[in-house]
Amino acid sequence: MCRLQAICVLLFIAISCQSSGQTGYLFVKRGIKKVLTLLPGDDIHARLKNGGYVKGTINSFQNDTIFVNGKPVDAKTIVMIYKKPLPKKRLPDTKTMLLIGAGAGLTTVGLAASGQQDWDDAAITGATIGFGPLLLKHYGLKLLRLFVKKKYRVGKKYRVTVMDLSIPGLR
């Protein structure tokens, strides 16, 4: 029984050394649905009621105050929050494109040599198999970028909620 107690104590010590406290959250909500969640360390770009802008890194939260680059910003003064745009994906480099082209050529030769398709249809099939996923990914992200919300106007539809989970005496 002594061995079991020792293992339990060591396990408790190991777990407590690795545990950490929760941080605060900044939620942008539409009704009850969260559309954007920001944590300390995330970048924020917002417009305030007085016409000014705040842009920087979130340091911490305290009640309804957001500390951005060490300066306090009241959450009630935020009028609009701008979302960071999706990163642009580029097409692969030349070497990868040549390898995909070689694979498309081998697919064409294989389909035509086996007699499954004639040369014209095999060339179209090989190019579709090789370059189709790249084109779907590239142009699909461009199409998706058109429909992604880039800014949230706080007021009628959206609201900002700060959830501060830190202990007041340990700040």
C-alpha atoms as a PDB file:
ATOM      1  CA  MET A   1       0.000   0.000   0.000  1.00  0.00           C
ATOM      2  CA  CYS A   2       2.936   2.316   0.632  1.00  0.00           C
ATOM      3  CA  ARG A   3       4.046   1.969  -2.974  1.00  0.00           C
ATOM      4  CA  LEU A   4       0.574   2.987  -4.247  1.00  0.00           C
ATOM      5  CA  GLN A   5       0.573   6.083  -2.012  1.00  0.00           C
ATOM      6  CA  ALA A   6       4.044   7.062  -3.242  1.00  0.00           C
ATOM      7  CA  ILE A   7       2.962   6.713  -6.869  1.00  0.00           C
ATOM      8  CA  CYS A   8      -0.156   8.817  -6.210  1.00  0.00           C
ATOM      9  CA  VAL A   9       1.884  11.562  -4.499  1.00  0.00           C
ATOM     10  CA  LEU A  10       4.442  11.642  -7.332  1.00  0.00           C
ATOM     11  CA  LEU A  11       1.672  11.748  -9.914  1.00  0.00           C
ATOM     12  CA  PHE A  12      -0.021  14.624  -8.058  1.00  0.00           C
ATOM     13  CA  ILE A  13       3.264  16.561  -7.879  1.00  0.00           C
ATOM     14  CA  ALA A  14       3.961  16.005 -11.584  1.00  0.00           C
ATOM     15  CA  ILE A  15       0.484  17.132 -12.605  1.00  0.00           C
ATOM     16  CA  SER A  16       0.529  20.210 -10.367  1.00  0.00           C
ATOM     17  CA  CYS A  17       3.908  21.289 -11.774  1.00  0.00           C
ATOM     18  CA  GLN A  18       2.515  21.233 -15.313  1.00  0.00           C
ATOM     19  CA  SER A  19      -0.797  22.935 -14.585  1.00  0.00           C
ATOM     20  CA  SER A  20      -1.380  26.604 -15.212  1.00  0.00           C
ATOM     21  CA  GLY A  21      -4.192  29.066 -14.694  1.00  0.00           C
ATOM     22  CA  GLN A  22      -6.757  29.978 -17.297  1.00  0.00           C
ATOM     23  CA  THR A  23      -6.489  33.197 -19.235  1.00  0.00           C
ATOM     24  CA  GLY A  24      -9.189  35.642 -20.150  1.00  0.00           C
ATOM     25  CA  TYR A  25     -11.143  35.740 -23.381  1.00  0.00           C
ATOM     26  CA  LEU A  26     -12.550  38.433 -25.628  1.00  0.00           C
ATOM     27  CA  PHE A  27     -15.611  37.179 -27.488  1.00  0.00           C
ATOM     28  CA  VAL A  28     -17.360  38.833 -30.399  1.00  0.00           C
ATOM     29  CA  LYS A  29     -20.871  37.381 -30.404  1.00  0.00           C
ATOM     30  CA  ARG A  30     -23.838  37.498 -32.708  1.00  0.00           C
ATOM     31  CA  GLY A  31     -26.769  36.550 -30.515  1.00  0.00           C
ATOM     32  CA  ILE A  32     -25.454  33.605 -28.506  1.00  0.00           C
ATOM     33  CA  LYS A  33     -23.068  32.379 -31.207  1.00  0.00           C
ATOM     34  CA  LYS A  34     -19.384  33.248 -30.857  1.00  0.00           C
ATOM     35  CA  VAL A  35     -17.996  34.436 -34.198  1.00  0.00           C
ATOM     36  CA  LEU A  36     -14.540  35.538 -33.023  1.00  0.00           C
ATOM     37  CA  THR A  37     -12.463  34.649 -29.966  1.00  0.00           C
ATOM     38  CA  LEU A  38      -9.350  36.584 -28.966  1.00  0.00           C
ATOM     39  CA  LEU A  39      -6.860  35.607 -26.244  1.00  0.00           C
ATOM     40  CA  PRO A  40      -3.995  37.469 -24.577  1.00  0.00           C
ATOM     41  CA  GLY A  41      -1.163  37.521 -27.099  1.00  0.00           C
ATOM     42  CA  ASP A  42      -3.468  37.863 -30.131  1.00  0.00           C
ATOM     43  CA  ASP A  43      -3.385  40.926 -32.347  1.00  0.00           C
ATOM     44  CA  ILE A  44      -6.382  43.264 -32.337  1.00  0.00           C
ATOM     45  CA  HIS A  45      -7.378  46.151 -34.569  1.00  0.00           C
ATOM     46  CA  ALA A  46     -10.438  48.086 -33.424  1.00  0.00           C
ATOM     47  CA  ARG A  47     -12.132  51.452 -33.911  1.00  0.00           C
ATOM     48  CA  LEU A  48     -13.321  53.351 -30.843  1.00  0.00           C
ATOM     49  CA  LYS A  49     -16.328  55.636 -30.228  1.00  0.00           C
ATOM     50  CA  ASN A  50     -14.166  58.750 -30.188  1.00  0.00           C
ATOM     51  CA  GLY A  51     -12.971  58.031 -33.751  1.00  0.00           C
ATOM     52  CA  GLY A  52      -9.571  56.718 -32.736  1.00  0.00           C
ATOM     53  CA  TYR A  53      -8.101  53.333 -33.486  1.00  0.00           C
ATOM     54  CA  VAL A  54      -6.364  50.831 -31.288  1.00  0.00           C
ATOM     55  CA  LYS A  55      -4.010  48.353 -32.883  1.00  0.00           C
ATOM     56  CA  GLY A  56      -1.615  46.022 -31.149  1.00  0.00           C
ATOM     57  CA  THR A  57      -1.244  42.931 -29.026  1.00  0.00           C
ATOM     58  CA  ILE A  58      -3.657  42.080 -26.222  1.00  0.00           C
ATOM     59  CA  ASN A  59      -1.747  41.882 -22.928  1.00  0.00           C
ATOM     60  CA  SER A  60      -4.510  41.005 -20.465  1.00  0.00           C
ATOM     61  CA  PHE A  61      -8.094  41.560 -19.401  1.00  0.00           C
ATOM     62  CA  GLN A  62      -9.389  43.112 -16.211  1.00  0.00           C
ATOM     63  CA  ASN A  63     -13.161  43.278 -15.688  1.00  0.00           C
ATOM     64  CA  ASP A  64     -14.391  45.106 -18.848  1.00  0.00           C
ATOM     65  CA  THR A  65     -11.000  46.557 -19.712  1.00  0.00           C
ATOM     66  CA  ILE A  66      -8.706  45.253 -22.435  1.00  0.00           C
ATOM     67  CA  PHE A  67      -5.014  46.052 -22.116  1.00  0.00           C
ATOM     68  CA  VAL A  68      -3.534  46.541 -25.584  1.00  0.00           C
ATOM     69  CA  ASN A  69       0.229  47.174 -25.613  1.00  0.00           C
ATOM     70  CA  GLY A  70      -0.050  48.049 -21.914  1.00  0.00           C
ATOM     71  CA  LYS A  71      -2.722  50.728 -22.431  1.00  0.00           C
ATOM     72  CA  PRO A  72      -6.259  50.204 -21.073  1.00  0.00           C
ATOM     73  CA  VAL A  73      -9.195  50.225 -23.495  1.00  0.00           C
ATOM     74  CA  ASP A  74     -12.748  49.968 -22.205  1.00  0.00           C
ATOM     75  CA  ALA A  75     -14.683  47.263 -24.055  1.00  0.00           C
ATOM     76  CA  LYS A  76     -17.769  49.486 -24.135  1.00  0.00           C
ATOM     77  CA  THR A  77     -15.975  52.070 -26.285  1.00  0.00           C
ATOM     78  CA  ILE A  78     -15.270  49.630 -29.126  1.00  0.00           C
ATOM     79  CA  VAL A  79     -17.407  50.328 -32.194  1.00  0.00           C
ATOM     80  CA  MET A  80     -15.847  47.974 -34.753  1.00  0.00           C
ATOM     81  CA  ILE A  81     -13.363  45.099 -34.681  1.00  0.00           C
ATOM     82  CA  TYR A  82     -11.397  44.291 -37.829  1.00  0.00           C
ATOM     83  CA  LYS A  83     -10.464  40.678 -38.454  1.00  0.00           C
ATOM     84  CA  LYS A  84      -7.031  39.695 -39.697  1.00  0.00           C
ATOM     85  CA  PRO A  85      -7.408  38.574 -43.341  1.00  0.00           C
ATOM     86  CA  LEU A  86      -6.775  34.989 -44.411  1.00  0.00           C
ATOM     87  CA  PRO A  87      -3.211  34.358 -45.568  1.00  0.00           C
ATOM     88  CA  LYS A  88      -2.721  34.222 -49.309  1.00  0.00           C
ATOM     89  CA  LYS A  89      -1.724  30.798 -50.581  1.00  0.00           C
ATOM     90  CA  ARG A  90       0.633  30.754 -53.502  1.00  0.00           C
ATOM     91  CA  LEU A  91       1.041  28.135 -56.166  1.00  0.00           C
ATOM     92  CA  PRO A  92       3.921  25.676 -55.624  1.00  0.00           C
ATOM     93  CA  ASP A  93       7.420  26.397 -56.889  1.00  0.00           C
ATOM     94  CA  THR A  94       8.712  25.445 -60.350  1.00  0.00           C
ATOM     95  CA  LYS A  95      10.249  22.137 -59.287  1.00  0.00           C
ATOM     96  CA  THR A  96       6.964  20.918 -57.777  1.00  0.00           C
ATOM     97  CA  MET A  97       5.014  22.038 -60.857  1.00  0.00           C
ATOM     98  CA  LEU A  98       7.434  20.135 -63.126  1.00  0.00           C
ATOM     99  CA  LEU A  99       7.061  17.003 -60.989  1.00  0.00           C
ATOM    100  CA  ILE A 100       3.261  17.294 -61.140  1.00  0.00           C
ATOM    101  CA  GLY A 101       3.504  17.748 -64.913  1.00  0.00           C
ATOM    102  CA  ALA A 102       5.670  14.637 -65.178  1.00  0.00           C
ATOM    103  CA  GLY A 103       3.119  12.694 -63.132  1.00  0.00           C
ATOM    104  CA  ALA A 104       0.317  13.955 -65.386  1.00  0.00           C
ATOM    105  CA  GLY A 105       2.322  12.820 -68.414  1.00  0.00           C
ATOM    106  CA  LEU A 106       2.872   9.362 -66.929  1.00  0.00           C
ATOM    107  CA  THR A 107      -0.834   9.096 -66.169  1.00  0.00           C
ATOM    108  CA  THR A 108      -1.622  10.049 -69.770  1.00  0.00           C
ATOM    109  CA  VAL A 109       0.763   7.433 -71.170  1.00  0.00           C
ATOM    110  CA  GLY A 110      -0.557   4.760 -68.805  1.00  0.00           C
ATOM    111  CA  LEU A 111      -4.205   5.403 -69.665  1.00  0.00           C
ATOM    112  CA  ALA A 112      -3.548   5.508 -73.417  1.00  0.00           C
ATOM    113  CA  ALA A 113      -1.202   2.490 -73.467  1.00  0.00           C
ATOM    114  CA  SER A 114      -3.654   0.320 -71.551  1.00  0.00           C
ATOM    115  CA  GLY A 115      -6.384   1.172 -74.041  1.00  0.00           C
ATOM    116  CA  GLN A 116      -8.760   2.627 -71.469  1.00  0.00           C
ATOM    117  CA  GLN A 117      -8.912   6.016 -73.275  1.00  0.00           C
ATOM    118  CA  ASP A 118      -7.631   7.524 -76.482  1.00  0.00           C
ATOM    119  CA  TRP A 119      -4.718  10.008 -76.326  1.00  0.00           C
ATOM    120  CA  ASP A 120      -6.809  13.202 -76.256  1.00  0.00           C
ATOM    121  CA  ASP A 121      -9.050  12.052 -73.419  1.00  0.00           C
ATOM    122  CA  ALA A 122      -6.070  10.582 -71.542  1.00  0.00           C
ATOM    123  CA  ALA A 123      -4.218  13.928 -71.722  1.00  0.00           C
ATOM    124  CA  ILE A 124      -7.232  15.762 -70.295  1.00  0.00           C
ATOM    125  CA  THR A 125      -7.647  13.163 -67.548  1.00  0.00           C
ATOM    126  CA  GLY A 126      -3.935  13.260 -66.616  1.00  0.00           C
ATOM    127  CA  ALA A 127      -3.889  17.060 -66.433  1.00  0.00           C
ATOM    128  CA  THR A 128      -7.080  17.055 -64.353  1.00  0.00           C
ATOM    129  CA  ILE A 129      -5.682  14.511 -61.903  1.00  0.00           C
ATOM    130  CA  GLY A 130      -2.359  16.373 -61.607  1.00  0.00           C
ATOM    131  CA  PHE A 131      -3.302  20.038 -61.608  1.00  0.00           C
ATOM    132  CA  GLY A 132      -6.971  19.911 -60.545  1.00  0.00           C
ATOM    133  CA  PRO A 133      -6.385  19.901 -56.771  1.00  0.00           C
ATOM    134  CA  LEU A 134      -3.956  22.828 -57.047  1.00  0.00           C
ATOM    135  CA  LEU A 135      -6.424  24.895 -59.042  1.00  0.00           C
ATOM    136  CA  LEU A 136      -9.283  24.047 -56.677  1.00  0.00           C
ATOM    137  CA  LYS A 137      -7.207  25.024 -53.649  1.00  0.00           C
ATOM    138  CA  HIS A 138      -5.902  28.240 -55.195  1.00  0.00           C
ATOM    139  CA  TYR A 139      -9.133  29.558 -56.680  1.00  0.00           C
ATOM    140  CA  GLY A 140     -11.288  28.074 -53.921  1.00  0.00           C
ATOM    141  CA  LEU A 141      -9.446  30.166 -51.323  1.00  0.00           C
ATOM    142  CA  LYS A 142      -9.874  33.254 -53.487  1.00  0.00           C
ATOM    143  CA  LEU A 143     -13.599  32.548 -53.653  1.00  0.00           C
ATOM    144  CA  LEU A 144     -13.765  31.861 -49.904  1.00  0.00           C
ATOM    145  CA  ARG A 145     -11.977  35.153 -49.204  1.00  0.00           C
ATOM    146  CA  LEU A 146     -14.912  36.978 -50.829  1.00  0.00           C
ATOM    147  CA  PHE A 147     -17.412  35.584 -48.304  1.00  0.00           C
ATOM    148  CA  VAL A 148     -15.352  35.807 -45.084  1.00  0.00           C
ATOM    149  CA  LYS A 149     -16.447  38.588 -42.736  1.00  0.00           C
ATOM    150  CA  LYS A 150     -13.644  41.129 -42.378  1.00  0.00           C
ATOM    151  CA  LYS A 151     -15.130  43.522 -39.825  1.00  0.00           C
ATOM    152  CA  TYR A 152     -17.652  43.297 -37.019  1.00  0.00           C
ATOM    153  CA  ARG A 153     -19.726  46.396 -36.225  1.00  0.00           C
ATOM    154  CA  VAL A 154     -20.501  46.320 -32.521  1.00  0.00           C
ATOM    155  CA  GLY A 155     -24.015  47.450 -31.725  1.00  0.00           C
ATOM    156  CA  LYS A 156     -27.085  45.961 -33.421  1.00  0.00           C
ATOM    157  CA  LYS A 157     -25.819  42.558 -34.574  1.00  0.00           C
ATOM    158  CA  TYR A 158     -22.555  42.009 -32.726  1.00  0.00           C
ATOM    159  CA  ARG A 159     -21.481  42.558 -29.135  1.00  0.00           C
ATOM    160  CA  VAL A 160     -18.180  42.344 -27.304  1.00  0.00           C
ATOM    161  CA  THR A 161     -17.917  40.262 -24.146  1.00  0.00           C
ATOM    162  CA  VAL A 162     -14.832  40.135 -21.940  1.00  0.00           C
ATOM    163  CA  MET A 163     -14.409  37.052 -19.760  1.00  0.00           C
ATOM    164  CA  ASP A 164     -11.734  37.625 -17.159  1.00  0.00           C
ATOM    165  CA  LEU A 165     -10.728  34.365 -15.455  1.00  0.00           C
ATOM    166  CA  SER A 166      -7.636  35.538 -13.591  1.00  0.00           C
ATOM    167  CA  ILE A 167      -7.495  35.807  -9.812  1.00  0.00           C
ATOM    168  CA  PRO A 168      -7.630  39.495  -8.716  1.00  0.00           C
ATOM    169  CA  GLY A 169      -4.821  39.313  -6.146  1.00  0.00           C
ATOM    170  CA  LEU A 170      -2.289  37.702  -8.500  1.00  0.00           C
ATOM    171  CA  ARG A 171      -2.109  40.310 -11.286  1.00  0.00           C
END
